Amino acid sequence: YSYIFAMGLAYLLFLFLSTLIFFYKQLVEKLRMLKTIPTFHFIAFGTIFIIFILPQIFMFITYETKLISLHKVSDIVVSDDYKLMYQVGKFPRAVLELISPRWWITLFTKSYVPAYHILELCVGPIPFPFLVIALFSLRRSVWCIAVSGILIGLLANQLFPCKLLYYLPVIRYVRNGTFFGQFILFTLVVLSGIGFNLVTKNNSKHYRKAFNITATFLLFLSLFMLLFSGYFYYEFNNYN
């Protein structure tokens, strides 16, 4: 799907912005090194890139007047003569998926809630302690990736200032904007991988203490949700 291509570009844009914030000097030095690259390499890369995105360009030109944002419509029906009928409406959304109760339940317990498509590729409880370790390290590379994830979260929920990207010619036609949540999960996995690397290569008592505290918190939170599941939006079943 062409919108997946646009989603990838949006994530790379946020990653570039966060890199610009945390590694400004290093990035400027790398950009200056571009002058040393032969012109032929730029021509070859540009040609390959244009060929790669031609299908998206042709699809955009062909269907520009027929494109709709599916996450903004409801009651979609295809008539007998293959016309698309729908209602445009607003749906209740969480301020940010990161504070959605069901999202956190899935992150901690690996429970799957079919009503929330963002949970289809949940990461489960294991990365959480290592995620805390990575953020606890206060490394610029870690916070650079974390900021990219936060920006994607703002874009997925159409919050300012990231929602301004939806006004761009291509990004505004992105369908299923909540699928940006998969990039958030991707960010969490990368950060937890860095945290795991820190724990295995650094015999620091601070890292071990942080890991033990977060793992204990995770255990008690899971037990709490199991005992008081009736107070949440849904009951736990055997599959959960």
C-alpha atoms as a PDB file:
ATOM      1  CA  TYR A   1       0.000   0.000   0.000  1.00  0.00           C
ATOM      2  CA  SER A   2       1.251   3.471  -0.851  1.00  0.00           C
ATOM      3  CA  TYR A   3       0.373   4.917   2.564  1.00  0.00           C
ATOM      4  CA  ILE A   4       2.869   2.534   4.210  1.00  0.00           C
ATOM      5  CA  PHE A   5       5.593   4.163   2.106  1.00  0.00           C
ATOM      6  CA  ALA A   6       4.466   7.593   3.327  1.00  0.00           C
ATOM      7  CA  MET A   7       4.469   6.376   6.942  1.00  0.00           C
ATOM      8  CA  GLY A   8       8.072   5.275   6.607  1.00  0.00           C
ATOM      9  CA  LEU A   9       9.045   8.690   5.242  1.00  0.00           C
ATOM     10  CA  ALA A  10       7.273  10.385   8.162  1.00  0.00           C
ATOM     11  CA  TYR A  11       9.173   8.268  10.695  1.00  0.00           C
ATOM     12  CA  LEU A  12      12.491   8.974   8.981  1.00  0.00           C
ATOM     13  CA  LEU A  13      11.665  12.677   9.037  1.00  0.00           C
ATOM     14  CA  PHE A  14      11.085  12.592  12.805  1.00  0.00           C
ATOM     15  CA  LEU A  15      14.264  10.577  13.299  1.00  0.00           C
ATOM     16  CA  PHE A  16      16.184  13.204  11.324  1.00  0.00           C
ATOM     17  CA  LEU A  17      14.686  16.031  13.406  1.00  0.00           C
ATOM     18  CA  SER A  18      15.558  14.338  16.701  1.00  0.00           C
ATOM     19  CA  THR A  19      19.080  13.605  15.402  1.00  0.00           C
ATOM     20  CA  LEU A  20      19.379  17.270  14.488  1.00  0.00           C
ATOM     21  CA  ILE A  21      18.494  18.184  18.076  1.00  0.00           C
ATOM     22  CA  PHE A  22      20.788  15.761  19.910  1.00  0.00           C
ATOM     23  CA  PHE A  23      23.671  15.425  17.432  1.00  0.00           C
ATOM     24  CA  TYR A  24      23.736  18.797  15.704  1.00  0.00           C
ATOM     25  CA  LYS A  25      27.527  19.133  15.418  1.00  0.00           C
ATOM     26  CA  GLN A  26      28.086  15.550  14.284  1.00  0.00           C
ATOM     27  CA  LEU A  27      25.309  15.837  11.709  1.00  0.00           C
ATOM     28  CA  VAL A  28      26.725  19.051  10.281  1.00  0.00           C
ATOM     29  CA  GLU A  29      30.123  17.367   9.913  1.00  0.00           C
ATOM     30  CA  LYS A  30      28.544  14.419   8.090  1.00  0.00           C
ATOM     31  CA  LEU A  31      26.649  16.745   5.758  1.00  0.00           C
ATOM     32  CA  ARG A  32      29.887  18.541   4.897  1.00  0.00           C
ATOM     33  CA  MET A  33      31.404  15.207   3.926  1.00  0.00           C
ATOM     34  CA  LEU A  34      28.789  14.917   1.171  1.00  0.00           C
ATOM     35  CA  LYS A  35      30.991  17.212  -0.912  1.00  0.00           C
ATOM     36  CA  THR A  36      33.565  14.415  -1.142  1.00  0.00           C
ATOM     37  CA  ILE A  37      31.105  11.967  -2.729  1.00  0.00           C
ATOM     38  CA  PRO A  38      31.392  11.735  -6.540  1.00  0.00           C
ATOM     39  CA  THR A  39      28.552  13.303  -8.526  1.00  0.00           C
ATOM     40  CA  PHE A  40      27.910   9.984 -10.276  1.00  0.00           C
ATOM     41  CA  HIS A  41      26.847   8.437  -6.956  1.00  0.00           C
ATOM     42  CA  PHE A  42      24.193  11.121  -6.452  1.00  0.00           C
ATOM     43  CA  ILE A  43      22.900  10.593  -9.993  1.00  0.00           C
ATOM     44  CA  ALA A  44      22.733   6.823  -9.552  1.00  0.00           C
ATOM     45  CA  PHE A  45      21.024   7.104  -6.173  1.00  0.00           C
ATOM     46  CA  GLY A  46      18.538   9.677  -7.455  1.00  0.00           C
ATOM     47  CA  THR A  47      17.649   7.532 -10.460  1.00  0.00           C
ATOM     48  CA  ILE A  48      17.092   4.422  -8.347  1.00  0.00           C
ATOM     49  CA  PHE A  49      15.008   6.403  -5.834  1.00  0.00           C
ATOM     50  CA  ILE A  50      12.784   7.881  -8.552  1.00  0.00           C
ATOM     51  CA  ILE A  51      12.196   4.430 -10.057  1.00  0.00           C
ATOM     52  CA  PHE A  52      11.358   3.140  -6.582  1.00  0.00           C
ATOM     53  CA  ILE A  53       8.665   5.746  -5.883  1.00  0.00           C
ATOM     54  CA  LEU A  54       7.173   5.889  -9.389  1.00  0.00           C
ATOM     55  CA  PRO A  55       4.333   3.455  -8.505  1.00  0.00           C
ATOM     56  CA  GLN A  56       3.319   5.698  -5.586  1.00  0.00           C
ATOM     57  CA  ILE A  57       3.445   8.776  -7.799  1.00  0.00           C
ATOM     58  CA  PHE A  58       1.284   7.172 -10.508  1.00  0.00           C
ATOM     59  CA  MET A  59      -1.225   5.935  -7.917  1.00  0.00           C
ATOM     60  CA  PHE A  60      -1.418   9.399  -6.395  1.00  0.00           C
ATOM     61  CA  ILE A  61      -2.035  11.073  -9.773  1.00  0.00           C
ATOM     62  CA  THR A  62      -4.625   8.474 -10.779  1.00  0.00           C
ATOM     63  CA  TYR A  63      -6.653   8.385  -7.570  1.00  0.00           C
ATOM     64  CA  GLU A  64      -6.050  11.856  -6.132  1.00  0.00           C
ATOM     65  CA  THR A  65      -9.693  12.940  -6.466  1.00  0.00           C
ATOM     66  CA  LYS A  66     -10.987   9.653  -5.021  1.00  0.00           C
ATOM     67  CA  LEU A  67      -8.779   9.351  -1.941  1.00  0.00           C
ATOM     68  CA  ILE A  68     -10.375   9.494   1.500  1.00  0.00           C
ATOM     69  CA  SER A  69      -8.951   9.127   5.003  1.00  0.00           C
ATOM     70  CA  LEU A  70     -10.519   5.934   6.294  1.00  0.00           C
ATOM     71  CA  HIS A  71      -9.927   6.782   9.944  1.00  0.00           C
ATOM     72  CA  LYS A  72     -12.245   9.806   9.499  1.00  0.00           C
ATOM     73  CA  VAL A  73     -15.236   7.939   8.071  1.00  0.00           C
ATOM     74  CA  SER A  74     -17.737   5.357   9.311  1.00  0.00           C
ATOM     75  CA  ASP A  75     -20.520   3.142   7.961  1.00  0.00           C
ATOM     76  CA  ILE A  76     -18.610   2.338   4.780  1.00  0.00           C
ATOM     77  CA  VAL A  77     -20.786   0.511   2.229  1.00  0.00           C
ATOM     78  CA  VAL A  78     -20.121  -0.592  -1.352  1.00  0.00           C
ATOM     79  CA  SER A  79     -23.237  -0.314  -3.519  1.00  0.00           C
ATOM     80  CA  ASP A  80     -24.294  -2.714  -6.280  1.00  0.00           C
ATOM     81  CA  ASP A  81     -22.706  -0.459  -8.901  1.00  0.00           C
ATOM     82  CA  TYR A  82     -19.463  -0.406  -6.876  1.00  0.00           C
ATOM     83  CA  LYS A  83     -19.816   3.109  -5.510  1.00  0.00           C
ATOM     84  CA  LEU A  84     -18.386   3.843  -2.089  1.00  0.00           C
ATOM     85  CA  MET A  85     -20.797   5.385   0.411  1.00  0.00           C
ATOM     86  CA  TYR A  86     -19.735   6.484   3.873  1.00  0.00           C
ATOM     87  CA  GLN A  87     -20.399   8.896   6.694  1.00  0.00           C
ATOM     88  CA  VAL A  88     -17.830  11.449   7.800  1.00  0.00           C
ATOM     89  CA  GLY A  89     -17.691  11.727  11.554  1.00  0.00           C
ATOM     90  CA  LYS A  90     -15.476  12.155  14.575  1.00  0.00           C
ATOM     91  CA  PHE A  91     -14.510   9.275  16.814  1.00  0.00           C
ATOM     92  CA  PRO A  92     -13.522   9.382  20.481  1.00  0.00           C
ATOM     93  CA  ARG A  93      -9.762   8.985  20.707  1.00  0.00           C
ATOM     94  CA  ALA A  94      -7.310   8.731  23.547  1.00  0.00           C
ATOM     95  CA  VAL A  95      -5.268  11.898  24.045  1.00  0.00           C
ATOM     96  CA  LEU A  96      -2.257   9.720  23.353  1.00  0.00           C
ATOM     97  CA  GLU A  97      -2.138   5.971  22.786  1.00  0.00           C
ATOM     98  CA  LEU A  98       0.641   5.773  25.375  1.00  0.00           C
ATOM     99  CA  ILE A  99      -1.865   6.531  28.138  1.00  0.00           C
ATOM    100  CA  SER A 100      -4.623   4.293  26.814  1.00  0.00           C
ATOM    101  CA  PRO A 101      -5.461   1.716  29.547  1.00  0.00           C
ATOM    102  CA  ARG A 102      -5.810  -1.170  27.110  1.00  0.00           C
ATOM    103  CA  TRP A 103      -2.516  -0.308  25.448  1.00  0.00           C
ATOM    104  CA  TRP A 104      -0.676  -0.476  28.787  1.00  0.00           C
ATOM    105  CA  ILE A 105      -2.460  -3.688  29.756  1.00  0.00           C
ATOM    106  CA  THR A 106      -1.202  -5.294  26.572  1.00  0.00           C
ATOM    107  CA  LEU A 107       2.303  -3.929  27.025  1.00  0.00           C
ATOM    108  CA  PHE A 108       2.524  -5.423  30.503  1.00  0.00           C
ATOM    109  CA  THR A 109       0.587  -8.684  30.206  1.00  0.00           C
ATOM    110  CA  LYS A 110       0.608  -9.602  26.487  1.00  0.00           C
ATOM    111  CA  SER A 111      -3.201  -9.561  26.556  1.00  0.00           C
ATOM    112  CA  TYR A 112      -4.762  -9.037  23.144  1.00  0.00           C
ATOM    113  CA  VAL A 113      -7.777  -6.755  22.714  1.00  0.00           C
ATOM    114  CA  PRO A 114      -9.298  -7.253  19.228  1.00  0.00           C
ATOM    115  CA  ALA A 115     -11.071  -3.879  19.288  1.00  0.00           C
ATOM    116  CA  TYR A 116      -7.745  -2.051  19.237  1.00  0.00           C
ATOM    117  CA  HIS A 117      -5.819  -2.727  16.050  1.00  0.00           C
ATOM    118  CA  ILE A 118      -2.726  -1.115  17.544  1.00  0.00           C
ATOM    119  CA  LEU A 119      -2.438  -4.144  19.840  1.00  0.00           C
ATOM    120  CA  GLU A 120      -2.061  -6.668  17.024  1.00  0.00           C
ATOM    121  CA  LEU A 121       1.717  -6.364  17.175  1.00  0.00           C
ATOM    122  CA  CYS A 122       2.138  -5.893  20.921  1.00  0.00           C
ATOM    123  CA  VAL A 123       5.557  -6.438  22.466  1.00  0.00           C
ATOM    124  CA  GLY A 124       4.581  -7.976  25.796  1.00  0.00           C
ATOM    125  CA  PRO A 125       6.109  -7.377  29.228  1.00  0.00           C
ATOM    126  CA  ILE A 126       9.738  -8.352  28.699  1.00  0.00           C
ATOM    127  CA  PRO A 127      11.040  -5.106  27.097  1.00  0.00           C
ATOM    128  CA  PHE A 128       9.640  -2.868  29.846  1.00  0.00           C
ATOM    129  CA  PRO A 129      12.455  -3.220  32.449  1.00  0.00           C
ATOM    130  CA  PHE A 130      15.115  -2.894  29.744  1.00  0.00           C
ATOM    131  CA  LEU A 131      13.330   0.167  28.368  1.00  0.00           C
ATOM    132  CA  VAL A 132      13.654   1.811  31.780  1.00  0.00           C
ATOM    133  CA  ILE A 133      17.347   0.851  31.909  1.00  0.00           C
ATOM    134  CA  ALA A 134      17.940   2.501  28.525  1.00  0.00           C
ATOM    135  CA  LEU A 135      16.192   5.744  29.540  1.00  0.00           C
ATOM    136  CA  PHE A 136      17.927   5.616  32.938  1.00  0.00           C
ATOM    137  CA  SER A 137      21.308   5.698  31.176  1.00  0.00           C
ATOM    138  CA  LEU A 138      20.613   9.278  29.998  1.00  0.00           C
ATOM    139  CA  ARG A 139      22.523   8.641  26.761  1.00  0.00           C
ATOM    140  CA  ARG A 140      21.877  11.047  23.912  1.00  0.00           C
ATOM    141  CA  SER A 141      21.399   8.238  21.392  1.00  0.00           C
ATOM    142  CA  VAL A 142      18.694   6.719  23.580  1.00  0.00           C
ATOM    143  CA  TRP A 143      16.787   9.967  23.997  1.00  0.00           C
ATOM    144  CA  CYS A 144      17.173  10.704  20.294  1.00  0.00           C
ATOM    145  CA  ILE A 145      15.280   7.504  19.459  1.00  0.00           C
ATOM    146  CA  ALA A 146      12.789   8.089  22.286  1.00  0.00           C
ATOM    147  CA  VAL A 147      11.924  11.571  21.010  1.00  0.00           C
ATOM    148  CA  SER A 148      11.290  10.110  17.550  1.00  0.00           C
ATOM    149  CA  GLY A 149       8.818   7.693  19.084  1.00  0.00           C
ATOM    150  CA  ILE A 150       7.078  10.477  20.992  1.00  0.00           C
ATOM    151  CA  LEU A 151       6.726  12.556  17.822  1.00  0.00           C
ATOM    152  CA  ILE A 152       5.236   9.584  15.978  1.00  0.00           C
ATOM    153  CA  GLY A 153       2.791   9.158  18.867  1.00  0.00           C
ATOM    154  CA  LEU A 154       1.710  12.772  18.499  1.00  0.00           C
ATOM    155  CA  LEU A 155       1.281  12.325  14.746  1.00  0.00           C
ATOM    156  CA  ALA A 156      -0.733   9.114  15.166  1.00  0.00           C
ATOM    157  CA  ASN A 157      -3.180  10.910  17.432  1.00  0.00           C
ATOM    158  CA  GLN A 158      -3.209  14.075  15.316  1.00  0.00           C
ATOM    159  CA  LEU A 159      -1.859  16.274  18.095  1.00  0.00           C
ATOM    160  CA  PHE A 160      -0.102  19.600  17.593  1.00  0.00           C
ATOM    161  CA  PRO A 161       2.515  20.300  16.285  1.00  0.00           C
ATOM    162  CA  CYS A 162       3.052  16.958  14.550  1.00  0.00           C
ATOM    163  CA  LYS A 163      -0.445  16.913  13.064  1.00  0.00           C
ATOM    164  CA  LEU A 164       0.680  19.695  10.720  1.00  0.00           C
ATOM    165  CA  LEU A 165       2.268  16.976   8.594  1.00  0.00           C
ATOM    166  CA  TYR A 166      -1.225  15.817   7.626  1.00  0.00           C
ATOM    167  CA  TYR A 167      -1.579  19.019   5.609  1.00  0.00           C
ATOM    168  CA  LEU A 168       1.317  18.067   3.319  1.00  0.00           C
ATOM    169  CA  PRO A 169       0.368  16.834  -0.191  1.00  0.00           C
ATOM    170  CA  VAL A 170       1.197  13.155   0.400  1.00  0.00           C
ATOM    171  CA  ILE A 171       0.975  12.673   4.173  1.00  0.00           C
ATOM    172  CA  ARG A 172      -2.573  14.041   4.326  1.00  0.00           C
ATOM    173  CA  TYR A 173      -3.790  11.000   2.394  1.00  0.00           C
ATOM    174  CA  VAL A 174      -2.319   8.517   4.842  1.00  0.00           C
ATOM    175  CA  ARG A 175      -4.935   5.949   5.795  1.00  0.00           C
ATOM    176  CA  ASN A 176      -5.230   4.292   9.177  1.00  0.00           C
ATOM    177  CA  GLY A 177      -3.148   6.868  10.997  1.00  0.00           C
ATOM    178  CA  THR A 178      -3.290   4.801  14.168  1.00  0.00           C
ATOM    179  CA  PHE A 179      -0.968   2.301  12.473  1.00  0.00           C
ATOM    180  CA  PHE A 180       1.804   4.727  13.380  1.00  0.00           C
ATOM    181  CA  GLY A 181       1.521   2.974  16.730  1.00  0.00           C
ATOM    182  CA  GLN A 182       3.536   0.158  15.185  1.00  0.00           C
ATOM    183  CA  PHE A 183       6.429   2.609  14.838  1.00  0.00           C
ATOM    184  CA  ILE A 184       6.011   3.412  18.548  1.00  0.00           C
ATOM    185  CA  LEU A 185       6.327  -0.292  19.363  1.00  0.00           C
ATOM    186  CA  PHE A 186       9.339  -0.487  17.055  1.00  0.00           C
ATOM    187  CA  THR A 187      10.908   2.364  19.026  1.00  0.00           C
ATOM    188  CA  LEU A 188      10.238   0.581  22.317  1.00  0.00           C
ATOM    189  CA  VAL A 189      11.881  -2.604  21.041  1.00  0.00           C
ATOM    190  CA  VAL A 190      14.987  -0.695  19.890  1.00  0.00           C
ATOM    191  CA  LEU A 191      15.275   1.116  23.238  1.00  0.00           C
ATOM    192  CA  SER A 192      14.794  -2.086  25.220  1.00  0.00           C
ATOM    193  CA  GLY A 193      17.508  -3.708  23.081  1.00  0.00           C
ATOM    194  CA  ILE A 194      19.887  -0.921  24.103  1.00  0.00           C
ATOM    195  CA  GLY A 195      18.879  -1.461  27.750  1.00  0.00           C
ATOM    196  CA  PHE A 196      19.509  -5.206  27.443  1.00  0.00           C
ATOM    197  CA  ASN A 197      22.949  -4.474  25.994  1.00  0.00           C
ATOM    198  CA  LEU A 198      23.738  -2.150  28.905  1.00  0.00           C
ATOM    199  CA  VAL A 199      22.772  -4.783  31.477  1.00  0.00           C
ATOM    200  CA  THR A 200      24.804  -7.564  29.845  1.00  0.00           C
ATOM    201  CA  LYS A 201      27.945  -5.502  29.233  1.00  0.00           C
ATOM    202  CA  ASN A 202      27.935  -3.303  32.324  1.00  0.00           C
ATOM    203  CA  ASN A 203      28.069  -4.892  35.785  1.00  0.00           C
ATOM    204  CA  SER A 204      26.671  -1.740  37.389  1.00  0.00           C
ATOM    205  CA  LYS A 205      24.677  -2.033  40.622  1.00  0.00           C
ATOM    206  CA  HIS A 206      22.559   0.935  39.526  1.00  0.00           C
ATOM    207  CA  TYR A 207      21.399  -0.884  36.385  1.00  0.00           C
ATOM    208  CA  ARG A 208      20.637  -4.070  38.316  1.00  0.00           C
ATOM    209  CA  LYS A 209      18.726  -2.091  40.939  1.00  0.00           C
ATOM    210  CA  ALA A 210      16.696  -0.259  38.308  1.00  0.00           C
ATOM    211  CA  PHE A 211      15.917  -3.556  36.573  1.00  0.00           C
ATOM    212  CA  ASN A 212      14.799  -5.241  39.811  1.00  0.00           C
ATOM    213  CA  ILE A 213      12.575  -2.299  40.804  1.00  0.00           C
ATOM    214  CA  THR A 214      10.837  -2.093  37.422  1.00  0.00           C
ATOM    215  CA  ALA A 215      10.415  -5.868  37.157  1.00  0.00           C
ATOM    216  CA  THR A 216       8.890  -5.965  40.662  1.00  0.00           C
ATOM    217  CA  PHE A 217       6.579  -3.082  39.774  1.00  0.00           C
ATOM    218  CA  LEU A 218       5.557  -4.926  36.612  1.00  0.00           C
ATOM    219  CA  LEU A 219       4.794  -8.106  38.579  1.00  0.00           C
ATOM    220  CA  PHE A 220       2.614  -6.348  41.160  1.00  0.00           C
ATOM    221  CA  LEU A 221       0.822  -4.358  38.467  1.00  0.00           C
ATOM    222  CA  SER A 222       0.018  -7.574  36.578  1.00  0.00           C
ATOM    223  CA  LEU A 223      -1.306  -9.188  39.756  1.00  0.00           C
ATOM    224  CA  PHE A 224      -3.360  -6.088  40.511  1.00  0.00           C
ATOM    225  CA  MET A 225      -4.974  -6.140  37.067  1.00  0.00           C
ATOM    226  CA  LEU A 226      -5.657  -9.865  37.399  1.00  0.00           C
ATOM    227  CA  LEU A 227      -7.384  -9.437  40.783  1.00  0.00           C
ATOM    228  CA  PHE A 228      -9.284  -6.269  39.894  1.00  0.00           C
ATOM    229  CA  SER A 229      -9.923  -6.831  36.188  1.00  0.00           C
ATOM    230  CA  GLY A 230     -13.611  -6.040  36.667  1.00  0.00           C
ATOM    231  CA  TYR A 231     -12.760  -2.377  37.094  1.00  0.00           C
ATOM    232  CA  PHE A 232     -11.229  -2.193  33.606  1.00  0.00           C
ATOM    233  CA  TYR A 233     -12.959  -1.967  30.250  1.00  0.00           C
ATOM    234  CA  TYR A 234     -13.149  -5.724  29.788  1.00  0.00           C
ATOM    235  CA  GLU A 235     -12.939  -8.954  31.732  1.00  0.00           C
ATOM    236  CA  PHE A 236      -9.893 -11.176  31.452  1.00  0.00           C
ATOM    237  CA  ASN A 237     -10.638 -14.497  29.789  1.00  0.00           C
ATOM    238  CA  ASN A 238      -8.645 -17.682  29.484  1.00  0.00           C
ATOM    239  CA  TYR A 239      -6.872 -16.480  26.376  1.00  0.00           C
ATOM    240  CA  ASN A 240      -5.679 -13.330  28.167  1.00  0.00           C
END
